[in-house]
Amino acid sequence: MQFRSLEIFCDVAQLRSFSKAAKARGVTQPAVSQAIHHLEQRLDVRLIDRSTRPLSLTDAGSRYFSGLKLILAEYHDLEETVITQASHFRGPLFVGAIYSVGLSYMPDAQEAFRRLHPDVDVRIEYGRNETVVDWLMAGRVELGLVSFPKSNKQLIAVPWQKEPMRLVCSPEHPLAGQTEVSLSDLDGIEMVGFEQSLQVRQMIDSELRRLGVRVDFRDAFDNADTIVRAIQANRSAGFLPEAVVRRETATGSLRVVACRELRMTRPLGIVFRRTGRPSPAGYEFGSLLLGRPLEPDPSKRDDPAGRKPPSTGASVDSPTSVVA
């Protein structure tokens, strides 16, 4: 039995039409009819009920289609894996990242990628959100790792993760002695925060307003690392992405204080240009970060034969979102 016949059957089952399946597969309608006929002959069972319009599947056809979708999806995944592993990547790979993402996640990612592809030199360039977008548009980097991603006509963004925001304080701060606080404990408190022009600050302000909490951000900075240092130096408190403060909370130089009513996350995404797509090494690095294939074309629809559709995700609109 030819593998192509199985794909043609899935096309017909999905589209409920011999002519539409022929068009989708790029063959003639008689070729589709013949393939289905041979398949039914081999199985000695009718798969398609041709008396209905549109066509419908018999009970046996439905069971066969359900099983084939899984088998074909696994086959295509296996095929892509073999092709990818057979490809020998080499040379530099330029990636742009906002400061906090680059410093928190990239060392481990670079090391893991180096083990898989020792001839690829992953080079990370650090900047603000709008700077990373500018580098992408200029072709200076292949991939961008940004916060609050959005797609536009020039860029595709794939959602990566939602990073929890944590309430942290210095060990000398009054909150440090408490394992958990309520919203009333935060009302009127002085903090160090992000600049108001940054989208992460706007998200924090919006959530605090929704909860009816007033926080006095006495000092504001444009990057997380400076906020960490200011909280330590001023014996203050603030809201920061979880990954940013892992080292400090592990060593005890900052404390995480729980507040059940506060649940804020910072969305992170991988962005690349619609034209001048990333190289195979770029796709491989993006897939490593995601833990799944970095799909190249979010405009594609589900494939009748069971191939996975690309992720459409959130994506980079204007470069007004600036977090570091």
C-alpha atoms as a PDB file:
ATOM      1  CA  MET A   1       0.000   0.000   0.000  1.00  0.00           C
ATOM      2  CA  GLN A   2       1.374   3.392  -0.978  1.00  0.00           C
ATOM      3  CA  PHE A   3       1.802   5.939   1.784  1.00  0.00           C
ATOM      4  CA  ARG A   4       0.380   8.598  -0.523  1.00  0.00           C
ATOM      5  CA  SER A   5      -2.932   6.720  -0.687  1.00  0.00           C
ATOM      6  CA  LEU A   6      -3.290   7.081   3.066  1.00  0.00           C
ATOM      7  CA  GLU A   7      -2.701  10.829   2.826  1.00  0.00           C
ATOM      8  CA  ILE A   8      -5.251  11.090   0.009  1.00  0.00           C
ATOM      9  CA  PHE A   9      -7.822   9.239   2.122  1.00  0.00           C
ATOM     10  CA  CYS A  10      -7.241  11.693   4.985  1.00  0.00           C
ATOM     11  CA  ASP A  11      -7.737  14.578   2.542  1.00  0.00           C
ATOM     12  CA  VAL A  12     -11.064  13.144   1.395  1.00  0.00           C
ATOM     13  CA  ALA A  13     -12.151  12.395   4.965  1.00  0.00           C
ATOM     14  CA  GLN A  14     -11.300  15.914   6.069  1.00  0.00           C
ATOM     15  CA  LEU A  15     -12.687  17.786   3.073  1.00  0.00           C
ATOM     16  CA  ARG A  16     -15.640  15.465   2.354  1.00  0.00           C
ATOM     17  CA  SER A  17     -15.033  15.829  -1.375  1.00  0.00           C
ATOM     18  CA  PHE A  18     -13.017  13.985  -4.023  1.00  0.00           C
ATOM     19  CA  SER A  19     -12.563  17.144  -6.085  1.00  0.00           C
ATOM     20  CA  LYS A  20     -11.403  19.267  -3.128  1.00  0.00           C
ATOM     21  CA  ALA A  21      -9.025  16.510  -2.053  1.00  0.00           C
ATOM     22  CA  ALA A  22      -7.617  16.314  -5.576  1.00  0.00           C
ATOM     23  CA  LYS A  23      -7.029  20.067  -5.596  1.00  0.00           C
ATOM     24  CA  ALA A  24      -5.417  20.017  -2.134  1.00  0.00           C
ATOM     25  CA  ARG A  25      -3.127  17.137  -3.098  1.00  0.00           C
ATOM     26  CA  GLY A  26      -2.324  18.479  -6.585  1.00  0.00           C
ATOM     27  CA  VAL A  27      -3.615  15.450  -8.476  1.00  0.00           C
ATOM     28  CA  THR A  28      -6.586  14.653 -10.716  1.00  0.00           C
ATOM     29  CA  GLN A  29      -9.960  13.638  -9.342  1.00  0.00           C
ATOM     30  CA  PRO A  30      -9.783  10.205 -11.049  1.00  0.00           C
ATOM     31  CA  ALA A  31      -6.460   9.607  -9.297  1.00  0.00           C
ATOM     32  CA  VAL A  32      -8.119  10.305  -5.934  1.00  0.00           C
ATOM     33  CA  SER A  33     -11.047   8.021  -6.728  1.00  0.00           C
ATOM     34  CA  GLN A  34      -8.689   5.256  -7.798  1.00  0.00           C
ATOM     35  CA  ALA A  35      -6.571   5.575  -4.657  1.00  0.00           C
ATOM     36  CA  ILE A  36      -9.639   5.300  -2.409  1.00  0.00           C
ATOM     37  CA  HIS A  37     -10.965   2.382  -4.439  1.00  0.00           C
ATOM     38  CA  HIS A  38      -7.690   0.458  -4.133  1.00  0.00           C
ATOM     39  CA  LEU A  39      -7.550   1.191  -0.412  1.00  0.00           C
ATOM     40  CA  GLU A  40     -11.082  -0.120   0.145  1.00  0.00           C
ATOM     41  CA  GLN A  41     -10.275  -3.185  -1.939  1.00  0.00           C
ATOM     42  CA  ARG A  42      -7.206  -3.959   0.101  1.00  0.00           C
ATOM     43  CA  LEU A  43      -9.045  -3.558   3.412  1.00  0.00           C
ATOM     44  CA  ASP A  44     -12.173  -5.235   2.044  1.00  0.00           C
ATOM     45  CA  VAL A  45     -14.352  -2.618   3.684  1.00  0.00           C
ATOM     46  CA  ARG A  46     -16.138   0.518   2.514  1.00  0.00           C
ATOM     47  CA  LEU A  47     -14.602   3.666   3.995  1.00  0.00           C
ATOM     48  CA  ILE A  48     -16.514   6.396   2.137  1.00  0.00           C
ATOM     49  CA  ASP A  49     -20.285   6.657   1.774  1.00  0.00           C
ATOM     50  CA  ARG A  50     -20.614   8.090  -1.737  1.00  0.00           C
ATOM     51  CA  SER A  51     -24.416   8.341  -1.601  1.00  0.00           C
ATOM     52  CA  THR A  52     -24.414  11.453   0.558  1.00  0.00           C
ATOM     53  CA  ARG A  53     -23.527  15.043  -0.331  1.00  0.00           C
ATOM     54  CA  PRO A  54     -21.145  16.032   0.967  1.00  0.00           C
ATOM     55  CA  LEU A  55     -19.467  12.663   1.251  1.00  0.00           C
ATOM     56  CA  SER A  56     -19.500  11.017   4.657  1.00  0.00           C
ATOM     57  CA  LEU A  57     -17.424   8.358   6.360  1.00  0.00           C
ATOM     58  CA  THR A  58     -18.719   4.947   7.255  1.00  0.00           C
ATOM     59  CA  ASP A  59     -18.168   3.713  10.805  1.00  0.00           C
ATOM     60  CA  ALA A  60     -15.096   1.839   9.589  1.00  0.00           C
ATOM     61  CA  GLY A  61     -13.933   4.930   7.724  1.00  0.00           C
ATOM     62  CA  SER A  62     -14.255   7.079  10.837  1.00  0.00           C
ATOM     63  CA  ARG A  63     -12.189   4.647  12.916  1.00  0.00           C
ATOM     64  CA  TYR A  64      -9.614   4.390  10.150  1.00  0.00           C
ATOM     65  CA  PHE A  65      -9.373   8.182   9.799  1.00  0.00           C
ATOM     66  CA  SER A  66      -8.962   8.698  13.554  1.00  0.00           C
ATOM     67  CA  GLY A  67      -6.116   6.214  13.713  1.00  0.00           C
ATOM     68  CA  LEU A  68      -4.433   7.397  10.539  1.00  0.00           C
ATOM     69  CA  LYS A  69      -4.293  11.007  11.724  1.00  0.00           C
ATOM     70  CA  LEU A  70      -2.189   9.978  14.705  1.00  0.00           C
ATOM     71  CA  ILE A  71       0.034   7.676  12.663  1.00  0.00           C
ATOM     72  CA  LEU A  72       0.649  10.245   9.931  1.00  0.00           C
ATOM     73  CA  ALA A  73       1.330  13.010  12.460  1.00  0.00           C
ATOM     74  CA  GLU A  74       3.940  10.817  14.154  1.00  0.00           C
ATOM     75  CA  TYR A  75       5.449   9.935  10.795  1.00  0.00           C
ATOM     76  CA  HIS A  76       5.799  13.570   9.753  1.00  0.00           C
ATOM     77  CA  ASP A  77       7.291  14.456  13.137  1.00  0.00           C
ATOM     78  CA  LEU A  78       9.781  11.592  12.755  1.00  0.00           C
ATOM     79  CA  GLU A  79      10.620  12.700   9.228  1.00  0.00           C
ATOM     80  CA  GLU A  80      11.285  16.276  10.363  1.00  0.00           C
ATOM     81  CA  THR A  81      13.430  15.038  13.257  1.00  0.00           C
ATOM     82  CA  VAL A  82      15.561  12.851  11.001  1.00  0.00           C
ATOM     83  CA  ILE A  83      16.010  15.636   8.459  1.00  0.00           C
ATOM     84  CA  THR A  84      16.919  18.111  11.196  1.00  0.00           C
ATOM     85  CA  GLN A  85      19.410  15.794  12.849  1.00  0.00           C
ATOM     86  CA  ALA A  86      20.973  14.981   9.500  1.00  0.00           C
ATOM     87  CA  SER A  87      21.525  18.657   8.787  1.00  0.00           C
ATOM     88  CA  HIS A  88      24.898  19.901   9.904  1.00  0.00           C
ATOM     89  CA  PHE A  89      24.576  23.432  11.202  1.00  0.00           C
ATOM     90  CA  ARG A  90      27.593  25.665  11.429  1.00  0.00           C
ATOM     91  CA  GLY A  91      28.511  29.310  11.767  1.00  0.00           C
ATOM     92  CA  PRO A  92      27.217  32.155  13.967  1.00  0.00           C
ATOM     93  CA  LEU A  93      23.586  32.521  15.032  1.00  0.00           C
ATOM     94  CA  PHE A  94      22.629  36.012  16.189  1.00  0.00           C
ATOM     95  CA  VAL A  95      19.817  36.311  18.720  1.00  0.00           C
ATOM     96  CA  GLY A  96      18.483  39.527  20.262  1.00  0.00           C
ATOM     97  CA  ALA A  97      17.092  39.414  23.797  1.00  0.00           C
ATOM     98  CA  ILE A  98      15.814  41.835  26.375  1.00  0.00           C
ATOM     99  CA  TYR A  99      18.210  42.026  29.294  1.00  0.00           C
ATOM    100  CA  SER A 100      16.271  40.036  31.873  1.00  0.00           C
ATOM    101  CA  VAL A 101      15.433  37.199  29.487  1.00  0.00           C
ATOM    102  CA  GLY A 102      18.936  37.011  28.083  1.00  0.00           C
ATOM    103  CA  LEU A 103      20.636  36.984  31.448  1.00  0.00           C
ATOM    104  CA  SER A 104      18.141  34.594  33.055  1.00  0.00           C
ATOM    105  CA  TYR A 105      17.622  31.989  30.346  1.00  0.00           C
ATOM    106  CA  MET A 106      20.317  32.216  27.688  1.00  0.00           C
ATOM    107  CA  PRO A 107      23.374  30.748  29.477  1.00  0.00           C
ATOM    108  CA  ASP A 108      21.659  27.370  29.938  1.00  0.00           C
ATOM    109  CA  ALA A 109      20.093  27.500  26.469  1.00  0.00           C
ATOM    110  CA  GLN A 110      23.409  28.293  24.812  1.00  0.00           C
ATOM    111  CA  GLU A 111      25.104  25.424  26.614  1.00  0.00           C
ATOM    112  CA  ALA A 112      22.346  22.952  25.668  1.00  0.00           C
ATOM    113  CA  PHE A 113      22.438  24.056  22.035  1.00  0.00           C
ATOM    114  CA  ARG A 114      26.227  23.857  21.965  1.00  0.00           C
ATOM    115  CA  ARG A 115      26.060  20.211  22.982  1.00  0.00           C
ATOM    116  CA  LEU A 116      23.638  19.466  20.134  1.00  0.00           C
ATOM    117  CA  HIS A 117      25.315  21.642  17.500  1.00  0.00           C
ATOM    118  CA  PRO A 118      28.929  22.330  18.475  1.00  0.00           C
ATOM    119  CA  ASP A 119      29.692  24.108  15.192  1.00  0.00           C
ATOM    120  CA  VAL A 120      27.069  26.816  15.769  1.00  0.00           C
ATOM    121  CA  ASP A 121      28.157  29.873  17.730  1.00  0.00           C
ATOM    122  CA  VAL A 122      25.052  31.387  19.366  1.00  0.00           C
ATOM    123  CA  ARG A 123      25.699  35.068  19.985  1.00  0.00           C
ATOM    124  CA  ILE A 124      23.264  36.965  22.212  1.00  0.00           C
ATOM    125  CA  GLU A 125      22.857  40.729  21.861  1.00  0.00           C
ATOM    126  CA  TYR A 126      21.082  42.517  24.697  1.00  0.00           C
ATOM    127  CA  GLY A 127      18.742  45.477  24.408  1.00  0.00           C
ATOM    128  CA  ARG A 128      15.309  46.860  25.195  1.00  0.00           C
ATOM    129  CA  ASN A 129      12.210  45.551  23.463  1.00  0.00           C
ATOM    130  CA  GLU A 130      12.174  48.199  20.750  1.00  0.00           C
ATOM    131  CA  THR A 131      15.905  47.755  20.183  1.00  0.00           C
ATOM    132  CA  VAL A 132      15.488  44.014  19.628  1.00  0.00           C
ATOM    133  CA  VAL A 133      12.684  44.742  17.145  1.00  0.00           C
ATOM    134  CA  ASP A 134      14.898  47.226  15.294  1.00  0.00           C
ATOM    135  CA  TRP A 135      17.677  44.624  15.081  1.00  0.00           C
ATOM    136  CA  LEU A 136      15.225  42.091  13.647  1.00  0.00           C
ATOM    137  CA  MET A 137      13.949  44.479  11.004  1.00  0.00           C
ATOM    138  CA  ALA A 138      17.508  45.406  10.034  1.00  0.00           C
ATOM    139  CA  GLY A 139      18.520  41.756   9.752  1.00  0.00           C
ATOM    140  CA  ARG A 140      21.090  42.092  12.506  1.00  0.00           C
ATOM    141  CA  VAL A 141      19.555  39.160  14.441  1.00  0.00           C
ATOM    142  CA  GLU A 142      17.477  36.155  13.321  1.00  0.00           C
ATOM    143  CA  LEU A 143      15.400  35.724  16.458  1.00  0.00           C
ATOM    144  CA  GLY A 144      14.173  38.130  19.114  1.00  0.00           C
ATOM    145  CA  LEU A 145      13.270  37.218  22.688  1.00  0.00           C
ATOM    146  CA  VAL A 146      10.898  39.867  23.995  1.00  0.00           C
ATOM    147  CA  SER A 147       8.171  40.527  26.524  1.00  0.00           C
ATOM    148  CA  PHE A 148       4.548  41.361  25.728  1.00  0.00           C
ATOM    149  CA  PRO A 149       4.952  40.142  22.136  1.00  0.00           C
ATOM    150  CA  LYS A 150       2.525  40.967  19.349  1.00  0.00           C
ATOM    151  CA  SER A 151       2.550  40.131  15.641  1.00  0.00           C
ATOM    152  CA  ASN A 152       2.288  42.759  12.951  1.00  0.00           C
ATOM    153  CA  LYS A 153       2.680  42.859   9.181  1.00  0.00           C
ATOM    154  CA  GLN A 154       6.465  42.548   9.436  1.00  0.00           C
ATOM    155  CA  LEU A 155       6.917  40.200  12.390  1.00  0.00           C
ATOM    156  CA  ILE A 156       5.625  36.855  13.612  1.00  0.00           C
ATOM    157  CA  ALA A 157       5.617  36.153  17.342  1.00  0.00           C
ATOM    158  CA  VAL A 158       5.288  32.747  18.944  1.00  0.00           C
ATOM    159  CA  PRO A 159       4.240  32.626  22.622  1.00  0.00           C
ATOM    160  CA  TRP A 160       6.996  31.197  24.773  1.00  0.00           C
ATOM    161  CA  GLN A 161       5.963  31.347  28.423  1.00  0.00           C
ATOM    162  CA  LYS A 162       4.088  33.370  31.016  1.00  0.00           C
ATOM    163  CA  GLU A 163       6.609  34.305  33.656  1.00  0.00           C
ATOM    164  CA  PRO A 164       5.238  34.862  37.195  1.00  0.00           C
ATOM    165  CA  MET A 165       5.844  38.249  38.781  1.00  0.00           C
ATOM    166  CA  ARG A 166       6.924  38.080  42.416  1.00  0.00           C
ATOM    167  CA  LEU A 167       6.717  40.506  45.300  1.00  0.00           C
ATOM    168  CA  VAL A 168      10.261  40.737  46.675  1.00  0.00           C
ATOM    169  CA  CYS A 169      11.954  42.804  49.356  1.00  0.00           C
ATOM    170  CA  SER A 170      15.309  43.195  51.053  1.00  0.00           C
ATOM    171  CA  PRO A 171      15.977  41.155  54.203  1.00  0.00           C
ATOM    172  CA  GLU A 172      15.786  44.366  56.251  1.00  0.00           C
ATOM    173  CA  HIS A 173      12.352  45.394  54.954  1.00  0.00           C
ATOM    174  CA  PRO A 174       9.346  45.092  57.343  1.00  0.00           C
ATOM    175  CA  LEU A 175       7.700  42.608  54.943  1.00  0.00           C
ATOM    176  CA  ALA A 176      10.705  40.269  55.092  1.00  0.00           C
ATOM    177  CA  GLY A 177       9.580  38.780  58.385  1.00  0.00           C
ATOM    178  CA  GLN A 178       6.249  37.675  56.923  1.00  0.00           C
ATOM    179  CA  THR A 179       5.735  34.587  54.806  1.00  0.00           C
ATOM    180  CA  GLU A 180       2.468  35.941  53.425  1.00  0.00           C
ATOM    181  CA  VAL A 181       0.805  39.354  53.274  1.00  0.00           C
ATOM    182  CA  SER A 182      -2.625  40.674  52.344  1.00  0.00           C
ATOM    183  CA  LEU A 183      -3.440  43.491  49.957  1.00  0.00           C
ATOM    184  CA  SER A 184      -4.001  45.840  52.871  1.00  0.00           C
ATOM    185  CA  ASP A 185      -0.369  45.299  53.929  1.00  0.00           C
ATOM    186  CA  LEU A 186       0.738  46.729  50.569  1.00  0.00           C
ATOM    187  CA  ASP A 187      -1.501  49.796  50.523  1.00  0.00           C
ATOM    188  CA  GLY A 188       0.629  52.952  50.649  1.00  0.00           C
ATOM    189  CA  ILE A 189       3.919  51.088  50.792  1.00  0.00           C
ATOM    190  CA  GLU A 190       7.006  52.577  49.124  1.00  0.00           C
ATOM    191  CA  MET A 191       8.570  50.500  46.353  1.00  0.00           C
ATOM    192  CA  VAL A 192      11.117  50.489  43.567  1.00  0.00           C
ATOM    193  CA  GLY A 193       9.568  49.851  40.176  1.00  0.00           C
ATOM    194  CA  PHE A 194       9.826  49.942  36.417  1.00  0.00           C
ATOM    195  CA  GLU A 195       9.513  53.201  34.530  1.00  0.00           C
ATOM    196  CA  GLN A 196       5.935  54.156  33.665  1.00  0.00           C
ATOM    197  CA  SER A 197       6.655  54.003  29.925  1.00  0.00           C
ATOM    198  CA  LEU A 198       7.287  50.264  30.145  1.00  0.00           C
ATOM    199  CA  GLN A 199       4.474  47.834  29.472  1.00  0.00           C
ATOM    200  CA  VAL A 200       5.331  45.696  32.483  1.00  0.00           C
ATOM    201  CA  ARG A 201       4.834  48.760  34.727  1.00  0.00           C
ATOM    202  CA  GLN A 202       1.536  49.518  33.028  1.00  0.00           C
ATOM    203  CA  MET A 203       0.424  45.942  33.652  1.00  0.00           C
ATOM    204  CA  ILE A 204       1.417  46.179  37.324  1.00  0.00           C
ATOM    205  CA  ASP A 205      -0.343  49.529  37.777  1.00  0.00           C
ATOM    206  CA  SER A 206      -3.491  48.192  36.102  1.00  0.00           C
ATOM    207  CA  GLU A 207      -3.623  45.152  38.366  1.00  0.00           C
ATOM    208  CA  LEU A 208      -3.046  47.220  41.514  1.00  0.00           C
ATOM    209  CA  ARG A 209      -5.822  49.638  40.497  1.00  0.00           C
ATOM    210  CA  ARG A 210      -8.160  46.720  39.871  1.00  0.00           C
ATOM    211  CA  LEU A 211      -7.463  45.434  43.381  1.00  0.00           C
ATOM    212  CA  GLY A 212      -7.754  48.885  44.947  1.00  0.00           C
ATOM    213  CA  VAL A 213      -4.148  48.987  46.169  1.00  0.00           C
ATOM    214  CA  ARG A 214      -2.067  52.175  46.114  1.00  0.00           C
ATOM    215  CA  VAL A 215       1.692  51.718  45.937  1.00  0.00           C
ATOM    216  CA  ASP A 216       4.185  54.592  46.058  1.00  0.00           C
ATOM    217  CA  PHE A 217       6.890  53.875  43.470  1.00  0.00           C
ATOM    218  CA  ARG A 218       9.553  56.254  44.742  1.00  0.00           C
ATOM    219  CA  ASP A 219      12.266  55.132  42.312  1.00  0.00           C
ATOM    220  CA  ALA A 220      11.777  53.794  38.806  1.00  0.00           C
ATOM    221  CA  PHE A 221      14.232  52.240  36.348  1.00  0.00           C
ATOM    222  CA  ASP A 222      14.141  50.797  32.856  1.00  0.00           C
ATOM    223  CA  ASN A 223      15.674  47.396  33.624  1.00  0.00           C
ATOM    224  CA  ALA A 224      15.179  44.643  36.169  1.00  0.00           C
ATOM    225  CA  ASP A 225      18.823  44.320  37.196  1.00  0.00           C
ATOM    226  CA  THR A 226      18.976  47.942  38.363  1.00  0.00           C
ATOM    227  CA  ILE A 227      15.713  47.478  40.266  1.00  0.00           C
ATOM    228  CA  VAL A 228      17.201  44.498  42.092  1.00  0.00           C
ATOM    229  CA  ARG A 229      20.220  46.567  43.135  1.00  0.00           C
ATOM    230  CA  ALA A 230      18.023  49.508  44.190  1.00  0.00           C
ATOM    231  CA  ILE A 231      15.806  47.291  46.332  1.00  0.00           C
ATOM    232  CA  GLN A 232      18.891  45.913  48.076  1.00  0.00           C
ATOM    233  CA  ALA A 233      20.553  49.281  48.527  1.00  0.00           C
ATOM    234  CA  ASN A 234      17.422  51.101  49.726  1.00  0.00           C
ATOM    235  CA  ARG A 235      16.079  48.202  51.807  1.00  0.00           C
ATOM    236  CA  SER A 236      12.931  48.434  49.744  1.00  0.00           C
ATOM    237  CA  ALA A 237      10.474  46.177  47.897  1.00  0.00           C
ATOM    238  CA  GLY A 238       9.151  45.721  44.374  1.00  0.00           C
ATOM    239  CA  PHE A 239       7.588  43.457  41.772  1.00  0.00           C
ATOM    240  CA  LEU A 240       9.997  41.523  39.546  1.00  0.00           C
ATOM    241  CA  PRO A 241       9.893  38.543  37.162  1.00  0.00           C
ATOM    242  CA  GLU A 242      10.572  35.307  38.990  1.00  0.00           C
ATOM    243  CA  ALA A 243      13.585  34.283  36.894  1.00  0.00           C
ATOM    244  CA  VAL A 244      15.297  37.620  37.496  1.00  0.00           C
ATOM    245  CA  VAL A 245      15.551  37.116  41.259  1.00  0.00           C
ATOM    246  CA  ARG A 246      16.287  33.386  41.499  1.00  0.00           C
ATOM    247  CA  ARG A 247      19.904  33.880  42.452  1.00  0.00           C
ATOM    248  CA  GLU A 248      19.157  36.600  44.997  1.00  0.00           C
ATOM    249  CA  THR A 249      16.327  34.664  46.660  1.00  0.00           C
ATOM    250  CA  ALA A 250      18.478  31.515  46.762  1.00  0.00           C
ATOM    251  CA  THR A 251      21.296  33.362  48.551  1.00  0.00           C
ATOM    252  CA  GLY A 252      18.931  35.273  50.826  1.00  0.00           C
ATOM    253  CA  SER A 253      19.855  38.739  49.558  1.00  0.00           C
ATOM    254  CA  LEU A 254      16.195  39.157  48.566  1.00  0.00           C
ATOM    255  CA  ARG A 255      13.063  37.637  50.054  1.00  0.00           C
ATOM    256  CA  VAL A 256       9.947  36.520  48.183  1.00  0.00           C
ATOM    257  CA  VAL A 257       6.740  37.445  49.995  1.00  0.00           C
ATOM    258  CA  ALA A 258       3.543  35.620  49.048  1.00  0.00           C
ATOM    259  CA  CYS A 259       0.298  37.487  48.397  1.00  0.00           C
ATOM    260  CA  ARG A 260      -2.525  35.223  47.273  1.00  0.00           C
ATOM    261  CA  GLU A 261      -4.639  38.028  45.834  1.00  0.00           C
ATOM    262  CA  LEU A 262      -1.823  39.108  43.495  1.00  0.00           C
ATOM    263  CA  ARG A 263      -1.363  36.949  40.408  1.00  0.00           C
ATOM    264  CA  MET A 264       0.593  38.729  37.710  1.00  0.00           C
ATOM    265  CA  THR A 265       2.517  37.208  34.819  1.00  0.00           C
ATOM    266  CA  ARG A 266       4.775  38.675  32.168  1.00  0.00           C
ATOM    267  CA  PRO A 267       4.266  37.096  28.714  1.00  0.00           C
ATOM    268  CA  LEU A 268       7.434  36.254  26.807  1.00  0.00           C
ATOM    269  CA  GLY A 269       7.681  35.405  23.127  1.00  0.00           C
ATOM    270  CA  ILE A 270      10.036  34.538  20.272  1.00  0.00           C
ATOM    271  CA  VAL A 271       9.747  36.842  17.276  1.00  0.00           C
ATOM    272  CA  PHE A 272      11.144  36.733  13.756  1.00  0.00           C
ATOM    273  CA  ARG A 273      10.550  38.462  10.435  1.00  0.00           C
ATOM    274  CA  ARG A 274       7.863  37.322   8.021  1.00  0.00           C
ATOM    275  CA  THR A 275      10.396  37.814   5.245  1.00  0.00           C
ATOM    276  CA  GLY A 276      13.983  36.708   5.620  1.00  0.00           C
ATOM    277  CA  ARG A 277      12.995  33.909   7.969  1.00  0.00           C
ATOM    278  CA  PRO A 278      15.486  32.391  10.424  1.00  0.00           C
ATOM    279  CA  SER A 279      18.048  29.890   9.187  1.00  0.00           C
ATOM    280  CA  PRO A 280      17.671  26.168  10.017  1.00  0.00           C
ATOM    281  CA  ALA A 281      19.921  26.773  13.015  1.00  0.00           C
ATOM    282  CA  GLY A 282      17.651  29.626  14.064  1.00  0.00           C
ATOM    283  CA  TYR A 283      14.571  27.450  13.887  1.00  0.00           C
ATOM    284  CA  GLU A 284      16.383  24.727  15.825  1.00  0.00           C
ATOM    285  CA  PHE A 285      17.380  27.165  18.581  1.00  0.00           C
ATOM    286  CA  GLY A 286      13.838  28.558  18.796  1.00  0.00           C
ATOM    287  CA  SER A 287      12.454  25.017  18.979  1.00  0.00           C
ATOM    288  CA  LEU A 288      14.884  24.212  21.777  1.00  0.00           C
ATOM    289  CA  LEU A 289      13.596  27.156  23.795  1.00  0.00           C
ATOM    290  CA  LEU A 290       9.955  26.316  23.135  1.00  0.00           C
ATOM    291  CA  GLY A 291      10.237  22.588  23.647  1.00  0.00           C
ATOM    292  CA  ARG A 292       8.267  22.177  20.419  1.00  0.00           C
ATOM    293  CA  PRO A 293       8.797  23.095  16.761  1.00  0.00           C
ATOM    294  CA  LEU A 294       9.126  26.792  16.035  1.00  0.00           C
ATOM    295  CA  GLU A 295       6.608  26.833  13.225  1.00  0.00           C
ATOM    296  CA  PRO A 296       7.511  29.115  10.332  1.00  0.00           C
ATOM    297  CA  ASP A 297       4.106  30.064   8.934  1.00  0.00           C
ATOM    298  CA  PRO A 298       1.135  30.833  11.199  1.00  0.00           C
ATOM    299  CA  SER A 299      -1.111  31.461   8.185  1.00  0.00           C
ATOM    300  CA  LYS A 300      -1.255  27.757   7.262  1.00  0.00           C
ATOM    301  CA  ARG A 301      -4.341  25.773   8.146  1.00  0.00           C
ATOM    302  CA  ASP A 302      -4.656  22.304   9.609  1.00  0.00           C
ATOM    303  CA  ASP A 303      -3.387  19.679   7.201  1.00  0.00           C
ATOM    304  CA  PRO A 304      -5.980  17.009   6.429  1.00  0.00           C
ATOM    305  CA  ALA A 305      -3.300  14.320   6.670  1.00  0.00           C
ATOM    306  CA  GLY A 306      -2.604  15.209  10.284  1.00  0.00           C
ATOM    307  CA  ARG A 307       0.458  17.420  10.076  1.00  0.00           C
ATOM    308  CA  LYS A 308       0.550  19.899  12.917  1.00  0.00           C
ATOM    309  CA  PRO A 309      -0.456  23.493  12.137  1.00  0.00           C
ATOM    310  CA  PRO A 310       1.962  26.260  13.026  1.00  0.00           C
ATOM    311  CA  SER A 311       1.479  28.170  16.230  1.00  0.00           C
ATOM    312  CA  THR A 312      -0.132  31.551  15.671  1.00  0.00           C
ATOM    313  CA  GLY A 313       0.476  32.965  19.079  1.00  0.00           C
ATOM    314  CA  ALA A 314       0.753  36.449  20.275  1.00  0.00           C
ATOM    315  CA  SER A 315       3.103  38.357  18.250  1.00  0.00           C
ATOM    316  CA  VAL A 316       5.389  42.265  18.006  1.00  0.00           C
ATOM    317  CA  ASP A 317       3.223  45.178  17.268  1.00  0.00           C
ATOM    318  CA  SER A 318       4.782  48.524  17.915  1.00  0.00           C
ATOM    319  CA  PRO A 319       8.003  48.722  19.891  1.00  0.00           C
ATOM    320  CA  THR A 320       6.341  50.576  22.750  1.00  0.00           C
ATOM    321  CA  SER A 321       6.591  47.561  25.054  1.00  0.00           C
ATOM    322  CA  VAL A 322       9.944  47.968  26.726  1.00  0.00           C
ATOM    323  CA  VAL A 323      11.081  45.658  29.473  1.00  0.00           C
ATOM    324  CA  ALA A 324      14.559  44.576  30.365  1.00  0.00           C
END
